[in-house]
């Protein structure tokens, strides 16, 4: 019975996700400035922050790994 409930729940969730994706793309709009195609949203600001955070996280992990390796070497020497 429990297996039937899980399978039913999965079937319902999958069918809902398919229904949500049924919308088509929005209609094209005119650029208010009268120029060519509309300009998309800039990705530079968020991308730069994401790269900086990734570099900081990687640096922290590298520092921690080197520190643990150094402490392990000191324990072996004693």
N, C-alpha and C. Protein backbone atom coordinates (compact mmCIF):
# COMPACT_ATOMS: atom_id res chain seq x y z
N UNK A 1 0.83 -1.20 0.00
CA UNK A 1 0.00 0.00 0.00
C UNK A 1 0.87 1.26 0.00
N UNK A 2 1.96 1.21 0.77
CA UNK A 2 2.84 2.36 0.85
C UNK A 2 3.50 2.62 -0.51
N UNK A 3 3.85 1.55 -1.21
CA UNK A 3 4.47 1.68 -2.52
C UNK A 3 3.49 2.31 -3.51
N UNK A 4 2.22 1.95 -3.43
CA UNK A 4 1.20 2.51 -4.31
C UNK A 4 1.04 4.01 -4.07
N UNK A 5 1.09 4.43 -2.83
CA UNK A 5 0.95 5.84 -2.50
C UNK A 5 2.14 6.63 -3.06
N UNK A 6 3.36 6.09 -2.90
CA UNK A 6 4.54 6.78 -3.42
C UNK A 6 4.49 6.88 -4.95
N UNK A 7 4.11 5.80 -5.61
CA UNK A 7 4.02 5.83 -7.07
C UNK A 7 2.94 6.80 -7.54
N UNK A 8 1.82 6.85 -6.83
CA UNK A 8 0.76 7.79 -7.19
C UNK A 8 1.23 9.23 -7.01
N UNK A 9 1.93 9.50 -5.93
CA UNK A 9 2.45 10.85 -5.67
C UNK A 9 3.45 11.26 -6.75
N UNK A 10 4.33 10.36 -7.13
CA UNK A 10 5.30 10.66 -8.18
C UNK A 10 4.60 10.92 -9.50
N UNK A 11 3.59 10.13 -9.83
CA UNK A 11 2.85 10.32 -11.08
C UNK A 11 2.15 11.68 -11.10
N UNK A 12 1.57 12.07 -9.99
CA UNK A 12 0.88 13.36 -9.92
C UNK A 12 1.88 14.51 -10.06
N UNK A 13 3.02 14.41 -9.38
CA UNK A 13 4.02 15.49 -9.46
C UNK A 13 4.60 15.61 -10.86
N UNK A 14 4.84 14.48 -11.52
CA UNK A 14 5.36 14.53 -12.88
C UNK A 14 4.34 15.13 -13.84
N UNK A 15 3.08 14.78 -13.67
CA UNK A 15 2.06 15.34 -14.57
C UNK A 15 1.88 16.84 -14.33
N UNK A 16 2.04 17.29 -13.11
CA UNK A 16 1.94 18.72 -12.84
C UNK A 16 3.11 19.48 -13.44
N UNK A 17 4.29 18.89 -13.38
CA UNK A 17 5.45 19.59 -13.94
C UNK A 17 5.34 19.70 -15.45
N UNK A 18 4.76 18.72 -16.10
CA UNK A 18 4.57 18.80 -17.55
C UNK A 18 3.54 19.88 -17.88
N UNK A 19 2.49 20.01 -17.08
CA UNK A 19 1.47 21.02 -17.32
C UNK A 19 2.03 22.43 -17.13
N UNK A 20 2.95 22.59 -16.22
CA UNK A 20 3.54 23.91 -15.97
C UNK A 20 4.40 24.34 -17.14
N UNK A 21 5.05 23.42 -17.79
CA UNK A 21 5.94 23.75 -18.91
C UNK A 21 5.18 23.92 -20.23
N UNK A 22 3.87 23.90 -20.22
CA UNK A 22 3.09 23.92 -21.44
C UNK A 22 2.98 25.31 -22.06
N UNK A 23 3.34 26.38 -21.38
CA UNK A 23 3.23 27.73 -21.92
C UNK A 23 4.29 27.96 -23.00
N UNK A 24 3.91 28.71 -24.01
CA UNK A 24 4.83 29.04 -25.08
C UNK A 24 5.65 30.27 -24.73
N UNK A 25 6.57 30.66 -25.61
CA UNK A 25 7.38 31.85 -25.34
C UNK A 25 6.53 33.11 -25.46
N UNK A 26 6.93 34.18 -24.76
CA UNK A 26 6.16 35.42 -24.85
C UNK A 26 6.29 36.05 -26.24
N UNK A 27 5.34 36.88 -26.57
CA UNK A 27 5.35 37.57 -27.86
C UNK A 27 6.47 38.60 -27.89
N UNK A 28 7.10 38.81 -29.04
CA UNK A 28 8.17 39.81 -29.10
C UNK A 28 7.61 41.22 -28.91
N UNK A 29 8.40 42.06 -28.30
CA UNK A 29 7.97 43.43 -28.02
C UNK A 29 8.85 44.41 -28.78
N UNK A 30 8.35 45.62 -28.96
CA UNK A 30 9.11 46.67 -29.63
C UNK A 30 10.00 47.37 -28.62
N UNK A 31 11.16 47.76 -29.03
CA UNK A 31 12.07 48.51 -28.19
C UNK A 31 11.56 49.95 -28.08
N UNK A 32 11.33 50.50 -26.87
CA UNK A 32 10.79 51.85 -26.73
C UNK A 32 11.71 52.93 -27.30
N UNK A 33 13.00 52.66 -27.42
CA UNK A 33 13.91 53.68 -27.95
C UNK A 33 13.84 53.76 -29.47
N UNK A 34 13.14 52.83 -30.10
CA UNK A 34 12.98 52.85 -31.55
C UNK A 34 14.12 52.17 -32.28
N UNK A 35 15.07 51.60 -31.56
CA UNK A 35 16.22 50.96 -32.18
C UNK A 35 15.91 49.53 -32.59
N UNK A 36 16.92 48.72 -32.58
CA UNK A 36 16.82 47.32 -33.01
C UNK A 36 16.17 46.44 -31.94
N UNK A 37 16.75 45.30 -31.74
CA UNK A 37 16.21 44.33 -30.79
C UNK A 37 16.33 44.84 -29.35
N UNK A 38 15.43 44.38 -28.49
CA UNK A 38 15.53 44.79 -27.08
C UNK A 38 16.78 44.21 -26.43
N UNK A 39 17.32 44.95 -25.50
CA UNK A 39 18.55 44.55 -24.82
C UNK A 39 18.18 43.64 -23.66
N UNK A 40 18.93 42.54 -23.50
CA UNK A 40 18.69 41.61 -22.40
C UNK A 40 19.25 42.14 -21.10
N UNK A 41 18.98 41.42 -20.03
CA UNK A 41 19.46 41.81 -18.71
C UNK A 41 20.97 41.58 -18.62
N UNK A 42 21.71 42.47 -17.98
CA UNK A 42 23.15 42.28 -17.85
C UNK A 42 23.47 41.14 -16.87
N UNK A 43 24.49 40.36 -17.17
CA UNK A 43 24.86 39.27 -16.28
C UNK A 43 26.19 39.53 -15.60
N UNK A 44 26.84 40.64 -15.90
CA UNK A 44 28.18 40.90 -15.39
C UNK A 44 28.21 41.07 -13.87
N UNK A 45 27.28 41.83 -13.30
CA UNK A 45 27.33 42.11 -11.87
C UNK A 45 27.23 40.85 -11.02
N UNK A 46 26.26 40.03 -11.30
CA UNK A 46 26.09 38.80 -10.54
C UNK A 46 27.17 37.79 -10.82
N UNK A 47 27.64 37.73 -12.06
CA UNK A 47 28.67 36.78 -12.44
C UNK A 47 29.99 37.10 -11.74
N UNK A 48 30.33 38.37 -11.65
CA UNK A 48 31.57 38.76 -10.97
C UNK A 48 31.53 38.41 -9.49
N UNK A 49 30.40 38.65 -8.87
CA UNK A 49 30.25 38.31 -7.44
C UNK A 49 30.34 36.81 -7.25
N UNK A 50 29.70 36.05 -8.14
CA UNK A 50 29.73 34.60 -8.04
C UNK A 50 31.16 34.07 -8.19
N UNK A 51 31.91 34.60 -9.15
CA UNK A 51 33.30 34.17 -9.33
C UNK A 51 34.15 34.53 -8.12
N UNK A 52 33.95 35.71 -7.55
CA UNK A 52 34.72 36.12 -6.37
C UNK A 52 34.41 35.22 -5.17
N UNK A 53 33.15 34.90 -5.00
CA UNK A 53 32.78 34.02 -3.88
C UNK A 53 33.35 32.61 -4.08
N UNK A 54 33.33 32.13 -5.32
CA UNK A 54 33.90 30.82 -5.61
C UNK A 54 35.40 30.78 -5.35
N UNK A 55 36.11 31.84 -5.74
CA UNK A 55 37.55 31.91 -5.49
C UNK A 55 37.84 31.97 -3.99
N UNK A 56 37.04 32.72 -3.25
CA UNK A 56 37.24 32.81 -1.80
C UNK A 56 36.98 31.46 -1.13
N UNK A 57 35.94 30.77 -1.57
CA UNK A 57 35.62 29.46 -1.01
C UNK A 57 36.73 28.46 -1.33
N UNK A 58 37.22 28.47 -2.56
CA UNK A 58 38.32 27.58 -2.94
C UNK A 58 39.58 27.87 -2.15
N UNK A 59 39.87 29.15 -1.94
CA UNK A 59 41.03 29.53 -1.14
C UNK A 59 40.91 29.06 0.30
N UNK A 60 39.73 29.17 0.84
CA UNK A 60 39.50 28.71 2.22
C UNK A 60 39.72 27.20 2.33
N UNK A 61 39.18 26.44 1.34
CA UNK A 61 39.33 24.99 1.36
C UNK A 61 40.80 24.60 1.21
N UNK A 62 41.53 25.30 0.34
CA UNK A 62 42.94 25.02 0.13
C UNK A 62 43.74 25.32 1.39
N UNK A 63 43.45 26.44 2.04
CA UNK A 63 44.13 26.81 3.28
C UNK A 63 43.88 25.76 4.37
N UNK A 64 42.64 25.34 4.49
CA UNK A 64 42.29 24.36 5.50
C UNK A 64 42.98 23.02 5.23
N UNK A 65 43.02 22.60 3.96
CA UNK A 65 43.67 21.33 3.62
C UNK A 65 45.17 21.38 3.92
N UNK A 66 45.82 22.50 3.59
CA UNK A 66 47.26 22.62 3.87
C UNK A 66 47.52 22.65 5.36
N UNK A 67 46.66 23.32 6.10
CA UNK A 67 46.83 23.39 7.55
C UNK A 67 46.69 22.01 8.19
N UNK A 68 45.69 21.24 7.75
CA UNK A 68 45.50 19.89 8.28
C UNK A 68 46.66 18.98 7.90
N UNK A 69 47.20 19.13 6.70
CA UNK A 69 48.34 18.33 6.26
C UNK A 69 49.56 18.65 7.10
N UNK A 70 49.75 19.94 7.40
CA UNK A 70 50.88 20.36 8.22
C UNK A 70 50.75 19.83 9.64
N UNK A 71 49.54 19.87 10.20
CA UNK A 71 49.32 19.35 11.54
C UNK A 71 49.54 17.84 11.59
N UNK A 72 49.13 17.14 10.55
CA UNK A 72 49.34 15.69 10.50
C UNK A 72 50.83 15.36 10.42
N UNK A 73 51.60 16.16 9.70
CA UNK A 73 53.05 15.94 9.59
C UNK A 73 53.70 16.20 10.93
N UNK A 74 53.24 17.19 11.68
CA UNK A 74 53.81 17.47 13.00
C UNK A 74 53.52 16.35 13.98
N UNK A 75 52.36 15.74 13.88
CA UNK A 75 52.01 14.63 14.78
C UNK A 75 52.88 13.43 14.48
N UNK A 76 53.16 13.18 13.22
CA UNK A 76 53.98 12.04 12.83
C UNK A 76 55.42 12.22 13.30
N UNK A 77 55.93 13.46 13.26
CA UNK A 77 57.29 13.74 13.68
C UNK A 77 57.48 13.56 15.18
N UNK A 78 56.46 13.76 15.96
CA UNK A 78 56.58 13.66 17.43
C UNK A 78 56.64 12.27 17.87
